[in-house]
């Protein structure tokens, strides 16, 4: 049975993911689900530069992920799956991907966002996405590092 961390982090692959979560989960693959990055080989190469040779990075569109994830979930792989926003994670859940928990690890300050935690800032639709995910049976927590306690987001957004 696979071990998959479903994580929302708009920075995608970076040190916190590779070192912090990588040491905890020992993944053999990182799957980035992003329609835009899946079409940009140069950007993909940039994301791969910080990875150890033991971790493969793949970049899928939302549709590719919905089709490809059943094989991953049925394997013995340890995987970190990253999306840059809650909307894409919601698309996976709506597409039938059996997600039990989503880790929100980095949505940062920008115009129109409200601060929930130092590393979680929500835009207008993010509260609704958390509520929809929870209604589908997906536990949504915020946790920037594996050493910090998870915070249940439904309690922060109502």
N, C-alpha and C. Protein backbone atom coordinates (compact mmCIF):
# COMPACT_ATOMS: atom_id res chain seq x y z
N UNK A 1 0.84 -1.18 0.00
CA UNK A 1 0.00 0.00 0.00
C UNK A 1 0.89 1.25 0.00
N UNK A 2 0.57 2.18 -0.84
CA UNK A 2 1.37 3.39 -0.96
C UNK A 2 1.19 4.30 0.25
N UNK A 3 2.18 5.17 0.45
CA UNK A 3 2.12 6.25 1.43
C UNK A 3 2.16 7.53 0.62
N UNK A 4 1.10 8.34 0.69
CA UNK A 4 1.05 9.57 -0.09
C UNK A 4 0.71 10.74 0.82
N UNK A 5 1.55 11.77 0.76
CA UNK A 5 1.25 13.03 1.40
C UNK A 5 0.66 13.93 0.33
N UNK A 6 -0.61 14.30 0.48
CA UNK A 6 -1.27 15.24 -0.42
C UNK A 6 -1.08 16.62 0.19
N UNK A 7 -0.26 17.45 -0.46
CA UNK A 7 0.13 18.75 0.12
C UNK A 7 -0.16 19.90 -0.84
N UNK A 8 -0.71 20.98 -0.29
CA UNK A 8 -0.91 22.23 -1.03
C UNK A 8 0.20 23.18 -0.60
N UNK A 9 1.02 23.57 -1.57
CA UNK A 9 2.13 24.49 -1.28
C UNK A 9 2.45 25.24 -2.57
N UNK A 10 2.15 26.51 -2.59
CA UNK A 10 2.31 27.24 -3.85
C UNK A 10 3.75 27.34 -4.32
N UNK A 11 4.71 27.01 -3.46
CA UNK A 11 6.10 26.99 -3.89
C UNK A 11 6.48 25.66 -4.53
N UNK A 12 5.60 24.67 -4.43
CA UNK A 12 5.80 23.33 -4.98
C UNK A 12 7.05 22.68 -4.39
N UNK A 13 8.05 22.35 -5.21
CA UNK A 13 9.24 21.66 -4.69
C UNK A 13 10.23 22.71 -4.18
N UNK A 14 10.55 22.62 -2.89
CA UNK A 14 11.52 23.52 -2.26
C UNK A 14 12.09 22.82 -1.04
N UNK A 15 12.98 23.46 -0.34
CA UNK A 15 13.71 22.84 0.76
C UNK A 15 12.85 22.23 1.84
N UNK A 16 11.79 22.93 2.24
CA UNK A 16 10.91 22.42 3.29
C UNK A 16 10.29 21.08 2.89
N UNK A 17 9.95 20.95 1.64
CA UNK A 17 9.36 19.71 1.15
C UNK A 17 10.43 18.63 1.05
N UNK A 18 11.55 18.95 0.41
CA UNK A 18 12.58 17.96 0.15
C UNK A 18 13.27 17.52 1.43
N UNK A 19 13.66 18.46 2.26
CA UNK A 19 14.40 18.11 3.47
C UNK A 19 13.45 17.74 4.61
N UNK A 20 12.54 18.64 4.96
CA UNK A 20 11.65 18.39 6.10
C UNK A 20 10.75 17.18 5.90
N UNK A 21 9.91 17.24 4.88
CA UNK A 21 8.98 16.14 4.63
C UNK A 21 9.69 14.94 4.01
N UNK A 22 10.72 15.19 3.23
CA UNK A 22 11.46 14.10 2.62
C UNK A 22 12.12 13.19 3.64
N UNK A 23 12.69 13.78 4.66
CA UNK A 23 13.32 12.96 5.71
C UNK A 23 12.28 12.15 6.47
N UNK A 24 11.12 12.72 6.67
CA UNK A 24 10.06 12.03 7.41
C UNK A 24 9.45 10.90 6.60
N UNK A 25 9.22 11.14 5.30
CA UNK A 25 8.48 10.18 4.47
C UNK A 25 9.35 9.31 3.58
N UNK A 26 10.59 9.72 3.37
CA UNK A 26 11.50 8.99 2.48
C UNK A 26 10.83 8.65 1.14
N UNK A 27 10.35 9.67 0.41
CA UNK A 27 9.65 9.39 -0.84
C UNK A 27 10.59 8.95 -1.95
N UNK A 28 10.08 8.13 -2.84
CA UNK A 28 10.86 7.82 -4.04
C UNK A 28 10.37 8.65 -5.22
N UNK A 29 9.24 9.37 -4.99
CA UNK A 29 8.73 10.20 -6.08
C UNK A 29 7.97 11.39 -5.52
N UNK A 30 8.12 12.53 -6.20
CA UNK A 30 7.31 13.70 -5.95
C UNK A 30 6.49 13.93 -7.22
N UNK A 31 5.19 14.03 -7.03
CA UNK A 31 4.28 14.28 -8.16
C UNK A 31 3.75 15.70 -8.00
N UNK A 32 4.02 16.54 -8.97
CA UNK A 32 3.49 17.89 -9.00
C UNK A 32 2.30 17.88 -9.95
N UNK A 33 1.15 18.31 -9.44
CA UNK A 33 -0.05 18.40 -10.27
C UNK A 33 -0.31 19.87 -10.54
N UNK A 34 -0.01 20.27 -11.77
CA UNK A 34 -0.17 21.67 -12.18
C UNK A 34 -0.30 21.70 -13.70
N UNK A 35 -1.43 22.19 -14.17
CA UNK A 35 -1.62 22.27 -15.62
C UNK A 35 -0.52 23.12 -16.26
N UNK A 36 -0.16 24.24 -15.62
CA UNK A 36 0.83 25.12 -16.24
C UNK A 36 2.24 24.53 -16.20
N UNK A 37 2.67 23.99 -15.06
CA UNK A 37 4.03 23.46 -14.95
C UNK A 37 4.18 22.19 -15.79
N UNK A 38 3.11 21.44 -15.96
CA UNK A 38 3.19 20.21 -16.77
C UNK A 38 3.53 20.50 -18.23
N UNK A 39 3.34 21.75 -18.66
CA UNK A 39 3.63 22.14 -20.05
C UNK A 39 4.96 22.89 -20.19
N UNK A 40 5.72 23.01 -19.11
CA UNK A 40 6.94 23.83 -19.12
C UNK A 40 8.18 23.01 -18.74
N UNK A 41 8.84 22.37 -19.71
CA UNK A 41 10.01 21.53 -19.39
C UNK A 41 11.15 22.29 -18.69
N UNK A 42 11.35 23.54 -19.03
CA UNK A 42 12.43 24.31 -18.39
C UNK A 42 12.10 24.52 -16.91
N UNK A 43 10.87 24.86 -16.61
CA UNK A 43 10.47 25.04 -15.22
C UNK A 43 10.59 23.72 -14.45
N UNK A 44 10.24 22.63 -15.08
CA UNK A 44 10.38 21.31 -14.46
C UNK A 44 11.84 21.03 -14.12
N UNK A 45 12.74 21.35 -15.04
CA UNK A 45 14.17 21.14 -14.78
C UNK A 45 14.65 21.96 -13.59
N UNK A 46 14.14 23.17 -13.46
CA UNK A 46 14.51 24.03 -12.32
C UNK A 46 14.06 23.37 -11.02
N UNK A 47 12.83 22.87 -10.98
CA UNK A 47 12.34 22.20 -9.77
C UNK A 47 13.16 20.95 -9.45
N UNK A 48 13.64 20.24 -10.45
CA UNK A 48 14.40 19.01 -10.22
C UNK A 48 15.81 19.28 -9.67
N UNK A 49 16.35 20.49 -9.84
CA UNK A 49 17.74 20.74 -9.47
C UNK A 49 18.04 20.50 -7.99
N UNK A 50 17.08 20.70 -7.13
CA UNK A 50 17.33 20.53 -5.70
C UNK A 50 17.02 19.15 -5.16
N UNK A 51 16.69 18.22 -6.03
CA UNK A 51 16.30 16.89 -5.57
C UNK A 51 17.48 15.93 -5.53
N UNK A 52 17.54 15.08 -4.51
CA UNK A 52 18.56 14.02 -4.53
C UNK A 52 18.23 13.02 -5.63
N UNK A 53 19.23 12.28 -6.07
CA UNK A 53 19.04 11.32 -7.16
C UNK A 53 18.03 10.23 -6.82
N UNK A 54 17.78 10.00 -5.55
CA UNK A 54 16.86 8.94 -5.13
C UNK A 54 15.38 9.32 -5.27
N UNK A 55 15.12 10.60 -5.58
CA UNK A 55 13.73 11.05 -5.70
C UNK A 55 13.47 11.48 -7.14
N UNK A 56 12.50 10.84 -7.76
CA UNK A 56 12.07 11.21 -9.11
C UNK A 56 10.98 12.27 -8.99
N UNK A 57 10.98 13.23 -9.89
CA UNK A 57 9.92 14.23 -9.94
C UNK A 57 9.18 14.08 -11.26
N UNK A 58 7.85 14.04 -11.16
CA UNK A 58 7.02 14.02 -12.36
C UNK A 58 6.02 15.16 -12.27
N UNK A 59 5.62 15.64 -13.42
CA UNK A 59 4.77 16.82 -13.50
C UNK A 59 3.56 16.47 -14.36
N UNK A 60 2.40 16.41 -13.72
CA UNK A 60 1.18 16.01 -14.40
C UNK A 60 0.17 17.14 -14.42
N UNK A 61 -0.62 17.18 -15.48
CA UNK A 61 -1.80 18.04 -15.50
C UNK A 61 -2.83 17.41 -14.56
N UNK A 62 -3.89 18.13 -14.28
CA UNK A 62 -4.95 17.59 -13.44
C UNK A 62 -5.53 16.32 -14.06
N UNK A 63 -5.81 16.34 -15.35
CA UNK A 63 -6.36 15.16 -16.02
C UNK A 63 -5.41 13.97 -15.97
N UNK A 64 -4.12 14.22 -16.19
CA UNK A 64 -3.13 13.14 -16.12
C UNK A 64 -3.07 12.55 -14.72
N UNK A 65 -3.18 13.41 -13.71
CA UNK A 65 -3.13 12.93 -12.32
C UNK A 65 -4.35 12.07 -11.99
N UNK A 66 -5.51 12.50 -12.42
CA UNK A 66 -6.73 11.72 -12.15
C UNK A 66 -6.61 10.34 -12.79
N UNK A 67 -6.02 10.28 -13.97
CA UNK A 67 -5.85 8.99 -14.66
C UNK A 67 -4.71 8.17 -14.06
N UNK A 68 -3.62 8.81 -13.66
CA UNK A 68 -2.42 8.10 -13.22
C UNK A 68 -2.37 7.73 -11.75
N UNK A 69 -3.12 8.43 -10.91
CA UNK A 69 -3.01 8.19 -9.48
C UNK A 69 -3.52 6.84 -9.00
N UNK A 70 -4.52 6.23 -9.63
CA UNK A 70 -4.92 4.90 -9.15
C UNK A 70 -3.76 3.90 -9.13
N UNK A 71 -2.90 3.93 -10.14
CA UNK A 71 -1.75 3.02 -10.16
C UNK A 71 -0.77 3.36 -9.04
N UNK A 72 -0.57 4.63 -8.78
CA UNK A 72 0.33 5.06 -7.70
C UNK A 72 -0.23 4.61 -6.36
N UNK A 73 -1.52 4.85 -6.15
CA UNK A 73 -2.14 4.52 -4.87
C UNK A 73 -2.18 3.01 -4.63
N UNK A 74 -2.17 2.24 -5.70
CA UNK A 74 -2.16 0.79 -5.58
C UNK A 74 -0.77 0.19 -5.49
N UNK A 75 0.25 1.03 -5.49
CA UNK A 75 1.64 0.56 -5.46
C UNK A 75 2.18 0.57 -4.03
N UNK A 76 3.46 0.28 -3.91
CA UNK A 76 4.14 0.36 -2.61
C UNK A 76 4.98 1.62 -2.48
N UNK A 77 4.73 2.59 -3.35
CA UNK A 77 5.53 3.81 -3.35
C UNK A 77 5.26 4.70 -2.15
N UNK A 78 6.26 5.49 -1.81
CA UNK A 78 6.10 6.60 -0.89
C UNK A 78 6.20 7.86 -1.74
N UNK A 79 5.15 8.68 -1.70
CA UNK A 79 5.02 9.80 -2.63
C UNK A 79 4.61 11.07 -1.89
N UNK A 80 5.16 12.17 -2.34
CA UNK A 80 4.65 13.49 -1.96
C UNK A 80 3.97 14.04 -3.20
N UNK A 81 2.67 14.32 -3.09
CA UNK A 81 1.92 14.92 -4.19
C UNK A 81 1.68 16.38 -3.84
N UNK A 82 2.08 17.26 -4.76
CA UNK A 82 1.98 18.70 -4.52
C UNK A 82 1.05 19.37 -5.52
N UNK A 83 0.21 20.25 -5.00
CA UNK A 83 -0.53 21.19 -5.85
C UNK A 83 -0.22 22.58 -5.33
N UNK A 84 -0.37 23.57 -6.20
CA UNK A 84 -0.06 24.93 -5.75
C UNK A 84 -1.26 25.66 -5.18
N UNK A 85 -2.44 25.01 -5.21
CA UNK A 85 -3.64 25.66 -4.68
C UNK A 85 -4.69 24.62 -4.29
N UNK A 86 -5.64 25.08 -3.49
CA UNK A 86 -6.74 24.21 -3.06
C UNK A 86 -7.66 23.84 -4.21
N UNK A 87 -7.77 24.70 -5.20
CA UNK A 87 -8.63 24.42 -6.35
C UNK A 87 -8.19 23.14 -7.07
N UNK A 88 -6.89 22.98 -7.29
CA UNK A 88 -6.39 21.78 -7.96
C UNK A 88 -6.61 20.55 -7.08
N UNK A 89 -6.38 20.67 -5.78
CA UNK A 89 -6.62 19.54 -4.88
C UNK A 89 -8.10 19.17 -4.90
N UNK A 90 -8.96 20.17 -4.94
CA UNK A 90 -10.40 19.92 -5.04
C UNK A 90 -10.72 19.20 -6.34
N UNK A 91 -10.04 19.56 -7.43
CA UNK A 91 -10.23 18.89 -8.71
C UNK A 91 -9.87 17.42 -8.64
N UNK A 92 -8.82 17.09 -7.90
CA UNK A 92 -8.45 15.68 -7.71
C UNK A 92 -9.55 14.93 -6.97
N UNK A 93 -10.03 15.53 -5.90
CA UNK A 93 -11.10 14.88 -5.11
C UNK A 93 -12.37 14.72 -5.94
N UNK A 94 -12.75 15.76 -6.66
CA UNK A 94 -13.94 15.66 -7.54
C UNK A 94 -13.74 14.64 -8.64
N UNK A 95 -12.49 14.44 -9.05
CA UNK A 95 -12.17 13.48 -10.11
C UNK A 95 -12.11 12.04 -9.62
N UNK A 96 -12.39 11.84 -8.35
CA UNK A 96 -12.46 10.48 -7.83
C UNK A 96 -11.21 9.98 -7.15
N UNK A 97 -10.20 10.82 -6.98
CA UNK A 97 -8.98 10.40 -6.28
C UNK A 97 -9.33 10.24 -4.79
N UNK A 98 -9.08 9.08 -4.21
CA UNK A 98 -9.45 8.86 -2.80
C UNK A 98 -8.44 9.50 -1.84
N UNK A 99 -8.72 10.74 -1.48
CA UNK A 99 -7.85 11.51 -0.59
C UNK A 99 -8.47 11.47 0.81
N UNK A 100 -7.69 11.09 1.80
CA UNK A 100 -8.21 11.09 3.17
C UNK A 100 -7.80 12.34 3.94
N UNK A 101 -6.61 12.89 3.60
CA UNK A 101 -6.14 14.09 4.28
C UNK A 101 -5.35 14.97 3.33
N UNK A 102 -5.56 16.26 3.45
CA UNK A 102 -4.79 17.26 2.70
C UNK A 102 -4.01 18.10 3.70
N UNK A 103 -2.73 18.27 3.41
CA UNK A 103 -1.84 19.09 4.22
C UNK A 103 -1.65 20.42 3.49
N UNK A 104 -2.10 21.50 4.11
CA UNK A 104 -1.87 22.83 3.54
C UNK A 104 -0.61 23.36 4.20
N UNK A 105 0.43 23.50 3.39
CA UNK A 105 1.72 23.87 3.95
C UNK A 105 2.24 25.22 3.53
N UNK A 106 1.58 25.87 2.57
CA UNK A 106 2.08 27.17 2.15
C UNK A 106 1.19 27.86 1.13
N UNK A 107 0.35 28.75 1.62
CA UNK A 107 -0.40 29.69 0.78
C UNK A 107 -0.10 31.05 1.38
N UNK A 108 0.58 31.89 0.63
CA UNK A 108 1.19 33.06 1.21
C UNK A 108 0.45 34.35 0.92
N UNK A 109 0.87 35.41 1.62
CA UNK A 109 0.23 36.71 1.53
C UNK A 109 0.27 37.26 0.11
N UNK A 110 -0.88 37.72 -0.31
CA UNK A 110 -0.99 38.46 -1.57
C UNK A 110 -2.31 39.23 -1.52
N UNK A 111 -2.48 40.10 -2.47
CA UNK A 111 -3.67 40.95 -2.49
C UNK A 111 -4.94 40.10 -2.49
N UNK A 112 -5.85 40.45 -1.60
CA UNK A 112 -7.13 39.76 -1.53
C UNK A 112 -7.15 38.54 -0.62
N UNK A 113 -6.03 38.23 0.01
CA UNK A 113 -5.97 37.09 0.92
C UNK A 113 -5.99 37.55 2.37
N UNK A 114 -6.55 36.69 3.21
CA UNK A 114 -6.64 36.94 4.64
C UNK A 114 -5.79 35.93 5.39
N UNK A 115 -5.07 36.39 6.39
CA UNK A 115 -4.16 35.52 7.16
C UNK A 115 -4.93 34.64 8.12
N UNK A 116 -4.70 33.33 8.02
CA UNK A 116 -5.20 32.37 9.00
C UNK A 116 -4.08 31.93 9.93
N UNK A 117 -2.92 31.69 9.36
CA UNK A 117 -1.71 31.29 10.07
C UNK A 117 -0.54 31.99 9.38
N UNK A 118 0.63 32.03 9.98
CA UNK A 118 1.74 32.72 9.31
C UNK A 118 2.03 32.20 7.91
N UNK A 119 1.74 30.95 7.62
CA UNK A 119 2.03 30.35 6.33
C UNK A 119 0.77 29.97 5.54
N UNK A 120 -0.40 30.39 6.04
CA UNK A 120 -1.65 30.12 5.33
C UNK A 120 -2.48 31.40 5.24
N UNK A 121 -2.62 31.86 4.03
CA UNK A 121 -3.44 33.03 3.72
C UNK A 121 -4.48 32.58 2.70
N UNK A 122 -5.76 32.85 2.99
CA UNK A 122 -6.84 32.38 2.14
C UNK A 122 -7.39 33.49 1.27
N UNK A 123 -7.67 33.12 0.02
CA UNK A 123 -8.40 33.98 -0.89
C UNK A 123 -9.89 33.75 -0.71
N UNK A 124 -10.69 34.44 -1.50
CA UNK A 124 -12.15 34.44 -1.37
C UNK A 124 -12.76 33.04 -1.44
N UNK A 125 -12.26 32.15 -2.27
CA UNK A 125 -12.88 30.84 -2.47
C UNK A 125 -12.25 29.72 -1.64
N UNK A 126 -11.17 29.99 -0.95
CA UNK A 126 -10.46 28.93 -0.24
C UNK A 126 -11.26 28.36 0.93
N UNK A 127 -11.99 29.19 1.65
CA UNK A 127 -12.83 28.71 2.75
C UNK A 127 -13.84 27.69 2.22
N UNK A 128 -14.49 28.02 1.12
CA UNK A 128 -15.48 27.11 0.52
C UNK A 128 -14.82 25.80 0.08
N UNK A 129 -13.62 25.87 -0.46
CA UNK A 129 -12.92 24.65 -0.89
C UNK A 129 -12.61 23.73 0.29
N UNK A 130 -12.21 24.31 1.41
CA UNK A 130 -11.98 23.51 2.61
C UNK A 130 -13.28 22.84 3.04
N UNK A 131 -14.37 23.60 3.04
CA UNK A 131 -15.66 23.04 3.44
C UNK A 131 -16.10 21.93 2.48
N UNK A 132 -15.87 22.11 1.19
CA UNK A 132 -16.22 21.07 0.21
C UNK A 132 -15.38 19.82 0.40
N UNK A 133 -14.08 19.98 0.61
CA UNK A 133 -13.21 18.83 0.84
C UNK A 133 -13.65 18.08 2.10
N UNK A 134 -13.92 18.81 3.16
CA UNK A 134 -14.37 18.17 4.40
C UNK A 134 -15.70 17.44 4.18
N UNK A 135 -16.60 18.02 3.39
CA UNK A 135 -17.88 17.37 3.09
C UNK A 135 -17.68 16.06 2.32
N UNK A 136 -16.58 15.98 1.57
CA UNK A 136 -16.25 14.75 0.84
C UNK A 136 -15.51 13.74 1.72
N UNK A 137 -15.31 14.08 2.98
CA UNK A 137 -14.62 13.18 3.90
C UNK A 137 -13.12 13.36 3.95
N UNK A 138 -12.62 14.48 3.41
CA UNK A 138 -11.19 14.77 3.41
C UNK A 138 -10.87 15.67 4.60
N UNK A 139 -9.99 15.23 5.45
CA UNK A 139 -9.53 16.03 6.58
C UNK A 139 -8.52 17.04 6.04
N UNK A 140 -8.74 18.33 6.31
CA UNK A 140 -7.84 19.38 5.81
C UNK A 140 -7.12 20.02 6.99
N UNK A 141 -5.79 19.87 6.99
CA UNK A 141 -4.99 20.42 8.07
C UNK A 141 -3.93 21.35 7.50
N UNK A 142 -3.51 22.29 8.33
CA UNK A 142 -2.35 23.12 8.00
C UNK A 142 -1.19 22.62 8.84
N UNK A 143 -0.06 22.42 8.16
CA UNK A 143 1.15 21.97 8.86
C UNK A 143 2.33 22.28 7.95
N UNK A 144 3.12 23.26 8.33
CA UNK A 144 4.23 23.64 7.47
C UNK A 144 5.38 22.64 7.53
N UNK A 145 5.69 22.13 8.70
CA UNK A 145 6.79 21.18 8.88
C UNK A 145 6.30 19.93 9.62
N UNK A 146 6.94 18.80 9.40
CA UNK A 146 6.50 17.60 10.10
C UNK A 146 6.67 17.68 11.61
N UNK A 147 7.49 18.61 12.09
CA UNK A 147 7.72 18.74 13.53
C UNK A 147 6.71 19.66 14.22
N UNK A 148 5.86 20.34 13.46
CA UNK A 148 4.83 21.20 14.06
C UNK A 148 3.50 20.45 14.11
N UNK A 149 2.68 20.84 15.04
CA UNK A 149 1.37 20.19 15.20
C UNK A 149 0.43 20.62 14.08
N UNK A 150 -0.33 19.68 13.52
CA UNK A 150 -1.31 20.05 12.50
C UNK A 150 -2.47 20.85 13.11
N UNK A 151 -2.99 21.79 12.32
CA UNK A 151 -4.12 22.61 12.72
C UNK A 151 -5.27 22.28 11.79
N UNK A 152 -6.39 21.85 12.33
CA UNK A 152 -7.57 21.52 11.50
C UNK A 152 -8.15 22.83 10.97
N UNK A 153 -8.20 22.96 9.65
CA UNK A 153 -8.61 24.23 9.05
C UNK A 153 -10.12 24.47 9.12
N UNK A 154 -10.92 23.42 9.17
CA UNK A 154 -12.37 23.67 9.25
C UNK A 154 -12.72 24.42 10.52
N UNK A 155 -11.90 24.28 11.56
CA UNK A 155 -12.13 25.00 12.81
C UNK A 155 -11.75 26.47 12.68
N UNK A 156 -10.89 26.78 11.72
CA UNK A 156 -10.47 28.17 11.51
C UNK A 156 -11.40 28.92 10.53
N UNK A 157 -12.04 28.16 9.66
CA UNK A 157 -12.85 28.82 8.62
C UNK A 157 -14.35 28.68 8.87
N UNK A 158 -14.74 27.88 9.84
CA UNK A 158 -16.16 27.71 10.15
C UNK A 158 -16.83 26.59 9.45
